[in-house]
Amino acid sequence: MGSRLFAAQEVIVRREILDGREWMVYPVRVVEDTGDLLAVHLAQGTPLTFGTGPFRWGPHPWTAFEPYWRSEGVLQLQRPGDGYSVWARYCGGALSDWYVNFQEPMRRTERGFDTLDHELDLLIPADGSPYSWKDEDHFAERHRSGGFTDAEAAAVRGAAASVVELIERGAGWWEDWRDWRAPEHWAVPGAVPLGR
């Protein structure tokens, strides 16, 4: 199950799974799927669907906002086995930074892929300025409070160390996507109901 490659421009589903249930779900459009890399686009205005009921981490923090992706669209790049994805973020259509989102390695499904955000993020400015960390305190508190086991926290730190090593060697594989932009004619996908 979930072993097929997705076609370019196909709309698939990205799900964050917490406690074995959908915590957040939204559609993305496939840019490229080689098996070694899945590149998808999250369009501005994409509807976000949040899971209901009790979660050990509480409701998704984005439920405090309108349930749509509000900033410019982003390109999300993920490779099998990596504990992170790299998002290209834009300002006025120009690449502003690479946003490294530490997360569970993606698990392909028939409809798309599943993961879970691990709080910690790293920002790499597109102009070559030094990288910086984001949400280190949230990650540390999630670990301290038992939201992450010691093994899970160690895996996130290991993934972070591997990305820093790539940056410091000038070996950021995501740089191959620096000039990519979403075609203007791509429509915003419709909402994805839970459990479908």
C-alpha atoms as a PDB file:
ATOM      1  CA  MET A   1       0.000   0.000   0.000  1.00  0.00           C
ATOM      2  CA  GLY A   2       1.193   3.486  -0.800  1.00  0.00           C
ATOM      3  CA  SER A   3       4.048   2.362  -3.027  1.00  0.00           C
ATOM      4  CA  ARG A   4       3.026   4.039  -6.284  1.00  0.00           C
ATOM      5  CA  LEU A   5       4.635   7.211  -7.552  1.00  0.00           C
ATOM      6  CA  PHE A   6       2.364  10.212  -7.829  1.00  0.00           C
ATOM      7  CA  ALA A   7       1.849  11.983 -11.145  1.00  0.00           C
ATOM      8  CA  ALA A   8       2.942  15.558 -11.687  1.00  0.00           C
ATOM      9  CA  GLN A   9       0.085  17.996 -10.932  1.00  0.00           C
ATOM     10  CA  GLU A  10      -1.868  15.301  -9.064  1.00  0.00           C
ATOM     11  CA  VAL A  11      -3.520  16.592  -5.882  1.00  0.00           C
ATOM     12  CA  ILE A  12      -2.594  14.395  -2.910  1.00  0.00           C
ATOM     13  CA  VAL A  13      -3.146  14.591   0.838  1.00  0.00           C
ATOM     14  CA  ARG A  14      -0.599  15.509   3.518  1.00  0.00           C
ATOM     15  CA  ARG A  15      -1.700  14.324   6.954  1.00  0.00           C
ATOM     16  CA  GLU A  16      -0.179  14.958  10.355  1.00  0.00           C
ATOM     17  CA  ILE A  17      -0.931  11.925  12.503  1.00  0.00           C
ATOM     18  CA  LEU A  18      -0.915  12.223  16.300  1.00  0.00           C
ATOM     19  CA  ASP A  19      -2.132   9.506  18.673  1.00  0.00           C
ATOM     20  CA  GLY A  20      -2.963   7.386  15.628  1.00  0.00           C
ATOM     21  CA  ARG A  21      -5.467   9.966  14.347  1.00  0.00           C
ATOM     22  CA  GLU A  22      -5.506  12.887  11.935  1.00  0.00           C
ATOM     23  CA  TRP A  23      -4.339  16.030  13.701  1.00  0.00           C
ATOM     24  CA  MET A  24      -4.172  18.204  10.588  1.00  0.00           C
ATOM     25  CA  VAL A  25      -4.920  17.400   6.953  1.00  0.00           C
ATOM     26  CA  TYR A  26      -4.546  19.423   3.762  1.00  0.00           C
ATOM     27  CA  PRO A  27      -4.183  18.931   0.000  1.00  0.00           C
ATOM     28  CA  VAL A  28      -0.963  19.606  -1.905  1.00  0.00           C
ATOM     29  CA  ARG A  29      -0.180  19.437  -5.617  1.00  0.00           C
ATOM     30  CA  VAL A  30       2.611  17.163  -6.822  1.00  0.00           C
ATOM     31  CA  VAL A  31       5.474  18.931  -8.570  1.00  0.00           C
ATOM     32  CA  GLU A  32       7.684  15.856  -8.985  1.00  0.00           C
ATOM     33  CA  ASP A  33       7.862  12.362  -7.529  1.00  0.00           C
ATOM     34  CA  THR A  34      10.939  10.323  -8.341  1.00  0.00           C
ATOM     35  CA  GLY A  35      10.672   7.866  -5.476  1.00  0.00           C
ATOM     36  CA  ASP A  36      13.829   9.403  -4.000  1.00  0.00           C
ATOM     37  CA  LEU A  37      12.220  12.832  -3.703  1.00  0.00           C
ATOM     38  CA  LEU A  38       8.627  13.991  -3.374  1.00  0.00           C
ATOM     39  CA  ALA A  39       8.165  17.673  -4.227  1.00  0.00           C
ATOM     40  CA  VAL A  40       4.732  19.164  -3.575  1.00  0.00           C
ATOM     41  CA  HIS A  41       3.238  22.655  -3.583  1.00  0.00           C
ATOM     42  CA  LEU A  42       1.046  24.063  -0.811  1.00  0.00           C
ATOM     43  CA  ALA A  43      -0.903  26.925  -2.392  1.00  0.00           C
ATOM     44  CA  GLN A  44      -1.899  30.143  -0.689  1.00  0.00           C
ATOM     45  CA  GLY A  45      -5.536  29.813   0.385  1.00  0.00           C
ATOM     46  CA  THR A  46      -5.419  26.014   0.735  1.00  0.00           C
ATOM     47  CA  PRO A  47      -8.037  24.871   3.263  1.00  0.00           C
ATOM     48  CA  LEU A  48      -6.705  23.165   6.393  1.00  0.00           C
ATOM     49  CA  THR A  49      -8.752  20.520   8.204  1.00  0.00           C
ATOM     50  CA  PHE A  50      -8.103  19.795  11.882  1.00  0.00           C
ATOM     51  CA  GLY A  51      -8.817  16.661  13.855  1.00  0.00           C
ATOM     52  CA  THR A  52     -11.296  16.815  16.703  1.00  0.00           C
ATOM     53  CA  GLY A  53     -11.427  15.254  20.131  1.00  0.00           C
ATOM     54  CA  PRO A  54      -8.656  15.019  22.706  1.00  0.00           C
ATOM     55  CA  PHE A  55      -5.017  14.807  21.602  1.00  0.00           C
ATOM     56  CA  ARG A  56      -2.103  14.413  23.987  1.00  0.00           C
ATOM     57  CA  TRP A  57      -0.639  17.636  22.600  1.00  0.00           C
ATOM     58  CA  GLY A  58      -4.023  19.395  22.658  1.00  0.00           C
ATOM     59  CA  PRO A  59      -5.628  20.920  19.568  1.00  0.00           C
ATOM     60  CA  HIS A  60      -3.386  21.858  16.672  1.00  0.00           C
ATOM     61  CA  PRO A  61      -1.979  25.363  17.362  1.00  0.00           C
ATOM     62  CA  TRP A  62      -3.166  26.624  13.991  1.00  0.00           C
ATOM     63  CA  THR A  63      -6.819  26.120  15.022  1.00  0.00           C
ATOM     64  CA  ALA A  64      -6.539  29.609  16.544  1.00  0.00           C
ATOM     65  CA  PHE A  65      -6.431  31.073  13.008  1.00  0.00           C
ATOM     66  CA  GLU A  66      -8.660  30.966   9.943  1.00  0.00           C
ATOM     67  CA  PRO A  67      -8.351  27.424   8.537  1.00  0.00           C
ATOM     68  CA  TYR A  68      -6.473  28.385   5.378  1.00  0.00           C
ATOM     69  CA  TRP A  69      -2.808  28.597   4.400  1.00  0.00           C
ATOM     70  CA  ARG A  70      -2.396  32.352   4.555  1.00  0.00           C
ATOM     71  CA  SER A  71       1.146  33.115   3.379  1.00  0.00           C
ATOM     72  CA  GLU A  72       2.425  32.728  -0.169  1.00  0.00           C
ATOM     73  CA  GLY A  73       2.500  29.180  -1.434  1.00  0.00           C
ATOM     74  CA  VAL A  74       5.444  26.994  -0.480  1.00  0.00           C
ATOM     75  CA  LEU A  75       7.338  24.212  -2.189  1.00  0.00           C
ATOM     76  CA  GLN A  76       7.789  21.242   0.176  1.00  0.00           C
ATOM     77  CA  LEU A  77      10.633  18.830  -0.527  1.00  0.00           C
ATOM     78  CA  GLN A  78      10.895  15.512   1.306  1.00  0.00           C
ATOM     79  CA  ARG A  79      13.008  12.400   0.831  1.00  0.00           C
ATOM     80  CA  PRO A  80      12.234   8.916   2.167  1.00  0.00           C
ATOM     81  CA  GLY A  81      13.825   8.267   5.549  1.00  0.00           C
ATOM     82  CA  ASP A  82      14.698  11.896   6.277  1.00  0.00           C
ATOM     83  CA  GLY A  83      13.471  13.275   9.611  1.00  0.00           C
ATOM     84  CA  TYR A  84      12.816  16.635   7.963  1.00  0.00           C
ATOM     85  CA  SER A  85      11.410  18.343   4.901  1.00  0.00           C
ATOM     86  CA  VAL A  86      12.682  21.541   3.300  1.00  0.00           C
ATOM     87  CA  TRP A  87      10.197  24.224   2.368  1.00  0.00           C
ATOM     88  CA  ALA A  88      10.977  27.003  -0.103  1.00  0.00           C
ATOM     89  CA  ARG A  89       9.241  30.159   1.147  1.00  0.00           C
ATOM     90  CA  TYR A  90       8.639  33.192  -1.022  1.00  0.00           C
ATOM     91  CA  CYS A  91       8.020  36.909  -0.622  1.00  0.00           C
ATOM     92  CA  GLY A  92       6.590  38.713  -3.633  1.00  0.00           C
ATOM     93  CA  GLY A  93       7.423  35.682  -5.754  1.00  0.00           C
ATOM     94  CA  ALA A  94      11.121  35.772  -4.802  1.00  0.00           C
ATOM     95  CA  LEU A  95      12.691  33.034  -2.701  1.00  0.00           C
ATOM     96  CA  SER A  96      13.079  34.402   0.831  1.00  0.00           C
ATOM     97  CA  ASP A  97      14.384  31.368   2.692  1.00  0.00           C
ATOM     98  CA  TRP A  98      14.595  27.632   3.029  1.00  0.00           C
ATOM     99  CA  TYR A  99      12.578  26.507   6.042  1.00  0.00           C
ATOM    100  CA  VAL A 100      13.713  23.154   7.392  1.00  0.00           C
ATOM    101  CA  ASN A 101      10.750  21.497   9.091  1.00  0.00           C
ATOM    102  CA  PHE A 102      11.811  18.639  11.362  1.00  0.00           C
ATOM    103  CA  GLN A 103       9.182  15.934  11.223  1.00  0.00           C
ATOM    104  CA  GLU A 104       8.606  12.197  11.216  1.00  0.00           C
ATOM    105  CA  PRO A 105       9.927  10.605   8.020  1.00  0.00           C
ATOM    106  CA  MET A 106       7.105  10.576   5.496  1.00  0.00           C
ATOM    107  CA  ARG A 107       5.050   7.435   5.134  1.00  0.00           C
ATOM    108  CA  ARG A 108       3.403   7.068   1.742  1.00  0.00           C
ATOM    109  CA  THR A 109      -0.293   6.244   1.559  1.00  0.00           C
ATOM    110  CA  GLU A 110      -2.584   5.608  -1.394  1.00  0.00           C
ATOM    111  CA  ARG A 111      -3.775   9.218  -1.088  1.00  0.00           C
ATOM    112  CA  GLY A 112      -0.485  10.978  -0.300  1.00  0.00           C
ATOM    113  CA  PHE A 113       1.732  10.820   2.756  1.00  0.00           C
ATOM    114  CA  ASP A 114       1.646  10.975   6.542  1.00  0.00           C
ATOM    115  CA  THR A 115       4.066  12.682   8.931  1.00  0.00           C
ATOM    116  CA  LEU A 116       4.069  14.651  12.202  1.00  0.00           C
ATOM    117  CA  ASP A 117       5.725  18.001  12.809  1.00  0.00           C
ATOM    118  CA  HIS A 118       8.389  17.817  15.524  1.00  0.00           C
ATOM    119  CA  GLU A 119       8.290  21.499  16.551  1.00  0.00           C
ATOM    120  CA  LEU A 120      11.929  22.336  15.800  1.00  0.00           C
ATOM    121  CA  ASP A 121      12.701  24.359  12.660  1.00  0.00           C
ATOM    122  CA  LEU A 122      15.745  25.879  11.002  1.00  0.00           C
ATOM    123  CA  LEU A 123      15.708  28.915   8.697  1.00  0.00           C
ATOM    124  CA  ILE A 124      18.287  29.291   5.933  1.00  0.00           C
ATOM    125  CA  PRO A 125      18.077  32.757   4.315  1.00  0.00           C
ATOM    126  CA  ALA A 126      18.155  32.638   0.523  1.00  0.00           C
ATOM    127  CA  ASP A 127      20.777  35.401   0.431  1.00  0.00           C
ATOM    128  CA  GLY A 128      23.393  33.245   2.161  1.00  0.00           C
ATOM    129  CA  SER A 129      23.086  34.868   5.600  1.00  0.00           C
ATOM    130  CA  PRO A 130      23.705  32.559   8.578  1.00  0.00           C
ATOM    131  CA  TYR A 131      20.995  30.043   9.432  1.00  0.00           C
ATOM    132  CA  SER A 132      18.970  30.367  12.630  1.00  0.00           C
ATOM    133  CA  TRP A 133      16.868  28.062  14.786  1.00  0.00           C
ATOM    134  CA  LYS A 134      13.147  28.477  15.417  1.00  0.00           C
ATOM    135  CA  ASP A 135      10.988  27.019  18.193  1.00  0.00           C
ATOM    136  CA  GLU A 136      13.875  25.493  20.141  1.00  0.00           C
ATOM    137  CA  ASP A 137      12.001  26.337  23.355  1.00  0.00           C
ATOM    138  CA  HIS A 138       8.797  24.635  22.145  1.00  0.00           C
ATOM    139  CA  PHE A 139      10.735  21.527  21.206  1.00  0.00           C
ATOM    140  CA  ALA A 140      12.541  21.435  24.563  1.00  0.00           C
ATOM    141  CA  GLU A 141       9.279  21.912  26.473  1.00  0.00           C
ATOM    142  CA  ARG A 142       7.522  19.207  24.449  1.00  0.00           C
ATOM    143  CA  HIS A 143      10.354  16.823  25.359  1.00  0.00           C
ATOM    144  CA  ARG A 144      10.439  17.908  29.000  1.00  0.00           C
ATOM    145  CA  SER A 145       6.691  17.417  29.404  1.00  0.00           C
ATOM    146  CA  GLY A 146       6.766  13.923  27.902  1.00  0.00           C
ATOM    147  CA  GLY A 147       5.358  14.843  24.485  1.00  0.00           C
ATOM    148  CA  PHE A 148       8.489  13.333  22.966  1.00  0.00           C
ATOM    149  CA  THR A 149      10.264  10.313  24.372  1.00  0.00           C
ATOM    150  CA  ASP A 150      14.025  10.550  24.869  1.00  0.00           C
ATOM    151  CA  ALA A 151      14.488   8.412  21.742  1.00  0.00           C
ATOM    152  CA  GLU A 152      12.206  10.653  19.668  1.00  0.00           C
ATOM    153  CA  ALA A 153      13.975  13.793  20.873  1.00  0.00           C
ATOM    154  CA  ALA A 154      17.353  12.228  20.093  1.00  0.00           C
ATOM    155  CA  ALA A 155      16.151  11.378  16.565  1.00  0.00           C
ATOM    156  CA  VAL A 156      15.093  15.004  15.997  1.00  0.00           C
ATOM    157  CA  ARG A 157      18.456  16.267  17.242  1.00  0.00           C
ATOM    158  CA  GLY A 158      20.201  13.765  14.978  1.00  0.00           C
ATOM    159  CA  ALA A 159      18.236  14.980  11.965  1.00  0.00           C
ATOM    160  CA  ALA A 160      19.071  18.587  12.915  1.00  0.00           C
ATOM    161  CA  ALA A 161      22.780  17.759  13.148  1.00  0.00           C
ATOM    162  CA  SER A 162      22.672  16.128   9.700  1.00  0.00           C
ATOM    163  CA  VAL A 163      21.112  19.242   8.142  1.00  0.00           C
ATOM    164  CA  VAL A 164      23.660  21.542   9.809  1.00  0.00           C
ATOM    165  CA  GLU A 165      26.431  19.330   8.455  1.00  0.00           C
ATOM    166  CA  LEU A 166      25.001  19.642   4.931  1.00  0.00           C
ATOM    167  CA  ILE A 167      24.774  23.430   5.258  1.00  0.00           C
ATOM    168  CA  GLU A 168      28.303  23.766   6.565  1.00  0.00           C
ATOM    169  CA  ARG A 169      29.647  21.626   3.695  1.00  0.00           C
ATOM    170  CA  GLY A 170      27.690  23.683   1.157  1.00  0.00           C
ATOM    171  CA  ALA A 171      25.868  20.485   0.182  1.00  0.00           C
ATOM    172  CA  GLY A 172      22.241  21.574   0.517  1.00  0.00           C
ATOM    173  CA  TRP A 173      20.517  19.257  -1.961  1.00  0.00           C
ATOM    174  CA  TRP A 174      17.465  21.551  -1.897  1.00  0.00           C
ATOM    175  CA  GLU A 175      19.433  24.249  -3.747  1.00  0.00           C
ATOM    176  CA  ASP A 176      18.609  22.412  -6.991  1.00  0.00           C
ATOM    177  CA  TRP A 177      15.096  23.853  -6.551  1.00  0.00           C
ATOM    178  CA  ARG A 178      16.127  27.484  -6.033  1.00  0.00           C
ATOM    179  CA  ASP A 179      14.642  28.714  -9.314  1.00  0.00           C
ATOM    180  CA  TRP A 180      11.371  26.752  -9.217  1.00  0.00           C
ATOM    181  CA  ARG A 181       8.124  28.709  -9.096  1.00  0.00           C
ATOM    182  CA  ALA A 182       4.532  27.459  -9.135  1.00  0.00           C
ATOM    183  CA  PRO A 183       2.702  27.927 -12.447  1.00  0.00           C
ATOM    184  CA  GLU A 184       0.193  30.753 -12.127  1.00  0.00           C
ATOM    185  CA  HIS A 185      -2.641  28.652 -13.577  1.00  0.00           C
ATOM    186  CA  TRP A 186      -2.558  26.081 -10.747  1.00  0.00           C
ATOM    187  CA  ALA A 187      -5.851  26.241  -8.883  1.00  0.00           C
ATOM    188  CA  VAL A 188      -6.124  26.021  -5.108  1.00  0.00           C
ATOM    189  CA  PRO A 189      -7.242  22.466  -4.216  1.00  0.00           C
ATOM    190  CA  GLY A 190     -10.455  21.903  -2.284  1.00  0.00           C
ATOM    191  CA  ALA A 191     -10.734  20.937   1.366  1.00  0.00           C
ATOM    192  CA  VAL A 192      -9.955  17.385   2.432  1.00  0.00           C
ATOM    193  CA  PRO A 193     -12.470  15.880   4.874  1.00  0.00           C
ATOM    194  CA  LEU A 194     -11.135  13.874   7.782  1.00  0.00           C
ATOM    195  CA  GLY A 195     -10.889  10.148   7.187  1.00  0.00           C
ATOM    196  CA  ARG A 196     -11.069  10.385   3.397  1.00  0.00           C
END
